[in-house]
Amino acid sequence: MALTIRAMAGGEARADRLQAALGACDYRHTGPAQLVLEATADGLALVREDTQPALRLQLDFVGGRQGYRLAHAGHQREGLIRALGKLPRDSYVIDASAGLGRDTLLLAAHGFRVTAWERHPVVYELLADALARAASHAELAPLVERIHLFSGAADPAQLHPRADAAVFDPMFPPRNKRAAVKKDMQLIQALMHDTADPDAEQTLATLRANVERRVIVKRPLHAPALGPDAPQASVRGKSVRFDIYSGCSVSAPA
C-alpha cells in the first residue's frame, strides 16, 4: 500500500514541504490501507478513500470536538490532571506520546509547560499543523505557546533542568476486535502496520529515570500494569485508568 501526498487549491507549498519532511526521515508507509495526505490552504488531512463513506481526519483544536471548549470544560476533573496530584501550574511536563494531541492540549490548558514527542512522522505532521493553526486563534495562542512539539521517540535526558512529571500513553492492540472503533482510530490503524509499542516498558523506565516527581501511564481499565513494577497508585475512569509511578527524586506520590 502507499501514502500519496495530494496538493489541493492553495496547498502546493504545504505539500512540497511535507514531501521534503517525509523524505528527509525516509518514511515508508507500511499500513494495511492506501491513504492520502491532502494539503490544502486550510491545513493537512489524512484520508482513506476506499471506504463508504471515505474517512477523513483533520485535527482541529479550535472548532472540532477535540477543540478549545473540550480542553477547558471541567479539565480540573479530568483523571489525568488528578493523577498529576499537587503539581504546581507552570511546572514542566513531558507528553511522551503526543498522538492526536488531546492530552497535550489538556496539560497546556491546565497551565503546565509541555514538551511533547510524537514518533510517527505523519501523525507528527498532522499534530504540528493543528497546533500551528491554533496559534493564530486569540484564545488558544497562550496554550500553544506552552507546548514544544518534537518528532521522534521521547528523549527526556536532553531536557535541562529535568521535567517535573511525564505522561505516557502507549499504543496497544485492540482487546476486542468486534468492538466499534472510532473514525480517528480507524485511520490511525490504517496508517500503521502495528499499533503496539514494542519498547513501551523501556520508555517508562527512561521517563522514571529522568523526571523529578512522577510518571503517569494511561492504560485500558482492565489491562495489566506496564513493566515489572506495580504502580504506586491509580486514578480510575470509566474506560481507562492512570497509573502513577515515582520519578527519580521521590519515592511516593504526593
Protein backbone atom coordinates (compact mmCIF):
# COMPACT_ATOMS: atom_id res chain seq x y z
CA MET A 1 0.00 0.00 0.00
CA ALA A 2 1.03 3.61 -0.44
CA LEU A 3 0.53 7.02 1.06
CA THR A 4 0.03 9.76 -1.51
CA ILE A 5 0.53 13.47 -0.90
CA ARG A 6 -2.09 15.45 -2.79
CA ALA A 7 -1.95 19.23 -3.16
CA MET A 8 -5.34 20.87 -3.30
CA ALA A 9 -6.02 24.51 -4.22
CA GLY A 10 -3.70 26.73 -2.20
CA GLY A 11 -1.84 23.80 -0.65
CA GLU A 12 1.05 23.42 -3.07
CA ALA A 13 3.71 24.92 -0.79
CA ARG A 14 2.46 22.87 2.16
CA ALA A 15 2.57 19.69 0.04
CA ASP A 16 6.14 20.42 -1.09
CA ARG A 17 7.29 20.97 2.49
CA LEU A 18 5.55 17.79 3.62
CA GLN A 19 7.12 15.77 0.81
CA ALA A 20 10.55 17.06 1.82
CA ALA A 21 9.98 16.37 5.51
CA LEU A 22 8.85 12.77 4.99
CA GLY A 23 11.65 12.21 2.51
CA ALA A 24 14.24 13.52 4.95
CA CYS A 25 13.27 10.89 7.54
CA ASP A 26 12.98 8.19 4.82
CA TYR A 27 9.37 7.50 5.73
CA ARG A 28 7.74 4.46 4.12
CA HIS A 29 4.05 3.74 4.58
CA THR A 30 3.61 0.19 5.92
CA GLY A 31 -0.03 0.33 6.95
CA PRO A 32 -2.71 -2.02 5.61
CA ALA A 33 -4.59 0.55 3.50
CA GLN A 34 -3.88 3.12 0.84
CA LEU A 35 -4.13 6.64 2.23
CA VAL A 36 -3.92 10.23 1.04
CA LEU A 37 -2.44 13.22 2.81
CA GLU A 38 -4.34 16.22 1.49
CA ALA A 39 -2.57 19.54 1.70
CA THR A 40 -4.94 22.48 1.38
CA ALA A 41 -4.85 26.16 2.17
CA ASP A 42 -6.52 25.26 5.48
CA GLY A 43 -4.06 22.58 6.58
CA LEU A 44 -3.46 18.83 6.38
CA ALA A 45 -5.96 15.98 6.38
CA LEU A 46 -5.48 12.20 6.33
CA VAL A 47 -7.99 10.50 4.05
CA ARG A 48 -8.93 6.89 3.32
CA GLU A 49 -10.96 6.76 0.12
CA ASP A 50 -11.68 3.03 -0.18
CA THR A 51 -14.44 3.12 2.45
CA GLN A 52 -18.06 4.20 2.19
CA PRO A 53 -18.14 6.95 3.15
CA ALA A 54 -14.50 7.99 2.90
CA LEU A 55 -12.76 8.52 6.24
CA ARG A 56 -11.14 11.89 6.86
CA LEU A 57 -9.10 13.15 9.80
CA GLN A 58 -8.01 16.75 10.25
CA LEU A 59 -7.06 17.71 13.79
CA ASP A 60 -8.90 20.84 14.89
CA PHE A 61 -8.23 22.43 18.26
CA VAL A 62 -10.40 25.47 17.55
CA GLY A 63 -13.82 24.23 16.48
CA GLY A 64 -13.70 20.43 16.45
CA ARG A 65 -14.68 18.02 19.19
CA GLN A 66 -11.03 17.95 20.25
CA GLY A 67 -11.07 21.71 20.42
CA TYR A 68 -10.75 24.57 22.78
CA ARG A 69 -14.06 24.11 24.60
CA LEU A 70 -13.31 20.44 25.28
CA ALA A 71 -9.89 21.32 26.67
CA HIS A 72 -11.36 23.88 29.05
CA ALA A 73 -14.64 22.26 30.08
CA GLY A 74 -14.03 20.82 33.54
CA HIS A 75 -10.40 19.89 32.91
CA GLN A 76 -9.65 20.03 36.64
CA ARG A 77 -11.91 16.97 36.99
CA GLU A 78 -10.02 15.02 34.32
CA GLY A 79 -8.39 11.82 35.58
CA LEU A 80 -5.06 12.80 34.06
CA ILE A 81 -4.95 16.09 35.96
CA ARG A 82 -5.96 14.37 39.20
CA ALA A 83 -3.23 11.76 38.67
CA LEU A 84 -0.62 14.52 38.49
CA GLY A 85 -1.52 15.45 42.07
CA LYS A 86 -0.46 18.75 43.57
CA LEU A 87 1.88 19.60 40.74
CA PRO A 88 2.06 23.40 40.57
CA ARG A 89 0.84 25.11 37.45
CA ASP A 90 3.72 26.29 35.29
CA SER A 91 5.53 23.00 36.01
CA TYR A 92 7.37 21.27 33.17
CA VAL A 93 5.54 18.15 31.97
CA ILE A 94 6.56 15.68 29.25
CA ASP A 95 3.99 14.13 26.94
CA ALA A 96 5.98 11.13 25.71
CA SER A 97 3.42 10.02 23.11
CA ALA A 98 1.54 13.07 21.87
CA GLY A 99 -0.57 11.21 19.30
CA LEU A 100 -3.56 13.32 18.29
CA GLY A 101 -2.73 15.94 20.90
CA ARG A 102 -5.69 15.64 23.26
CA ASP A 103 -3.62 15.14 26.41
CA THR A 104 -1.03 17.65 25.21
CA LEU A 105 -3.66 20.34 24.90
CA LEU A 106 -5.27 19.38 28.20
CA LEU A 107 -1.95 19.71 30.03
CA ALA A 108 -1.30 23.12 28.49
CA ALA A 109 -4.85 24.24 29.29
CA HIS A 110 -4.19 23.42 32.94
CA GLY A 111 -1.21 25.75 32.93
CA PHE A 112 1.68 23.31 32.52
CA ARG A 113 4.60 23.88 30.16
CA VAL A 114 4.60 20.83 27.92
CA THR A 115 7.39 19.18 25.94
CA ALA A 116 5.76 16.62 23.65
CA TRP A 117 7.14 13.99 21.31
CA GLU A 118 5.38 12.08 18.54
CA ARG A 119 7.36 9.33 16.87
CA HIS A 120 5.20 8.62 13.80
CA PRO A 121 6.14 11.18 11.12
CA VAL A 122 2.65 11.50 9.61
CA VAL A 123 0.91 11.85 12.97
CA TYR A 124 3.55 14.41 13.94
CA GLU A 125 2.80 16.44 10.80
CA LEU A 126 -0.96 16.36 11.46
CA LEU A 127 -0.45 17.50 15.05
CA ALA A 128 2.10 20.18 14.18
CA ASP A 129 -0.30 21.53 11.54
CA ALA A 130 -3.17 21.66 14.05
CA LEU A 131 -1.04 23.48 16.62
CA ALA A 132 0.13 25.99 14.02
CA ARG A 133 -3.46 26.78 13.09
CA ALA A 134 -4.46 27.01 16.76
CA ALA A 135 -1.65 29.50 17.37
CA SER A 136 -3.50 32.04 15.22
CA HIS A 137 -6.58 31.80 17.45
CA ALA A 138 -6.56 34.57 20.06
CA GLU A 139 -7.77 32.42 22.96
CA LEU A 140 -5.73 29.36 22.05
CA ALA A 141 -2.45 31.12 21.34
CA PRO A 142 -1.36 31.24 25.03
CA LEU A 143 -1.90 27.48 25.29
CA VAL A 144 0.11 26.74 22.15
CA GLU A 145 2.95 28.92 23.45
CA ARG A 146 3.30 26.49 26.36
CA ILE A 147 3.75 23.49 24.03
CA HIS A 148 7.01 22.43 22.38
CA LEU A 149 6.48 19.55 19.95
CA PHE A 150 9.28 17.32 18.66
CA SER A 151 9.35 14.49 16.13
CA GLY A 152 10.74 11.12 17.17
CA ALA A 153 10.90 8.98 20.29
CA ALA A 154 10.77 10.79 23.63
CA ASP A 155 14.23 11.79 24.85
CA PRO A 156 13.78 13.26 28.34
CA ALA A 157 17.52 13.11 29.09
CA GLN A 158 18.05 16.10 26.77
CA LEU A 159 15.92 18.39 28.96
CA HIS A 160 17.75 20.62 31.43
CA PRO A 161 16.54 21.10 34.06
CA ARG A 162 14.62 17.85 34.34
CA ALA A 163 10.89 17.87 33.77
CA ASP A 164 8.71 17.70 36.87
CA ALA A 165 6.46 14.93 35.54
CA ALA A 166 5.67 12.89 32.44
CA VAL A 167 2.61 11.39 30.80
CA PHE A 168 2.85 8.27 28.64
CA ASP A 169 0.01 6.71 26.64
CA PRO A 170 1.49 3.64 24.92
CA MET A 171 -0.42 2.27 21.98
CA PHE A 172 -1.81 -1.22 22.30
CA PRO A 173 -3.67 -3.69 20.07
CA PRO A 174 -7.48 -3.57 20.47
CA ARG A 175 -8.64 -6.16 23.03
CA ASN A 176 -11.98 -6.78 21.34
CA LYS A 177 -11.89 -6.78 17.58
CA ARG A 178 -15.69 -6.79 17.45
CA ALA A 179 -15.94 -3.50 19.32
CA ALA A 180 -16.71 -0.39 17.31
CA VAL A 181 -13.60 1.69 16.58
CA LYS A 182 -13.83 5.45 16.33
CA LYS A 183 -13.14 7.03 12.98
CA ASP A 184 -9.84 8.61 14.03
CA MET A 185 -8.54 5.28 15.37
CA GLN A 186 -9.64 3.51 12.18
CA LEU A 187 -7.40 5.89 10.28
CA ILE A 188 -4.50 5.50 12.73
CA GLN A 189 -4.77 1.72 12.43
CA ALA A 190 -4.80 2.07 8.64
CA LEU A 191 -1.70 4.27 8.87
CA MET A 192 0.40 1.91 10.97
CA HIS A 193 1.50 -1.65 10.36
CA ASP A 194 1.43 -2.38 14.12
CA THR A 195 -0.33 -0.23 16.71
CA ALA A 196 1.51 -1.76 19.68
CA ASP A 197 4.51 -0.01 21.25
CA PRO A 198 7.27 -2.67 21.36
CA ASP A 199 9.52 -0.55 23.60
CA ALA A 200 6.85 0.73 25.99
CA GLU A 201 8.49 -0.75 29.09
CA GLN A 202 11.85 0.81 28.20
CA THR A 203 10.16 4.18 27.60
CA LEU A 204 8.60 4.03 31.06
CA ALA A 205 11.96 3.19 32.65
CA THR A 206 13.64 6.07 30.81
CA LEU A 207 10.96 8.52 31.87
CA ARG A 208 11.18 7.45 35.53
CA ALA A 209 14.95 7.97 35.46
CA ASN A 210 14.68 11.46 34.00
CA VAL A 211 11.72 13.24 35.63
CA GLU A 212 11.65 14.63 39.14
CA ARG A 213 8.30 13.69 40.65
CA ARG A 214 6.10 11.20 38.83
CA VAL A 215 5.22 9.42 35.61
CA ILE A 216 1.60 8.80 34.64
CA VAL A 217 0.86 5.84 32.35
CA LYS A 218 -2.53 5.73 30.65
CA ARG A 219 -3.91 2.20 30.37
CA PRO A 220 -7.16 0.46 29.38
CA LEU A 221 -9.20 -0.02 32.52
CA HIS A 222 -8.66 -3.79 32.80
CA ALA A 223 -5.21 -4.05 31.20
CA PRO A 224 -2.22 -5.19 33.28
CA ALA A 225 0.21 -2.58 34.55
CA LEU A 226 3.10 -1.70 32.28
CA GLY A 227 6.51 -3.05 33.23
CA PRO A 228 7.72 -5.15 36.17
CA ASP A 229 6.92 -2.63 38.93
CA ALA A 230 3.43 -2.17 40.28
CA PRO A 231 2.20 1.43 40.17
CA GLN A 232 2.14 3.24 43.50
CA ALA A 233 -1.44 4.37 42.91
CA SER A 234 -4.03 4.68 40.15
CA VAL A 235 -6.83 7.03 39.17
CA ARG A 236 -9.64 5.10 37.51
CA GLY A 237 -12.09 6.41 34.95
CA LYS A 238 -14.93 4.77 33.03
CA SER A 239 -12.75 3.11 30.39
CA VAL A 240 -9.14 3.98 31.26
CA ARG A 241 -7.00 4.37 34.33
CA PHE A 242 -3.94 6.47 35.09
CA ASP A 243 -1.17 4.52 36.83
CA ILE A 244 1.21 6.60 38.96
CA TYR A 245 4.93 5.81 39.20
CA SER A 246 7.61 7.70 41.12
CA GLY A 247 10.21 9.80 39.38
CA CYS A 248 13.91 9.89 40.12
CA SER A 249 13.77 12.15 43.19
CA VAL A 250 10.75 10.85 45.13
CA SER A 251 9.58 7.50 46.45
CA ALA A 252 5.84 8.08 46.86
CA PRO A 253 3.20 10.18 45.14
CA ALA A 254 2.32 13.45 46.85
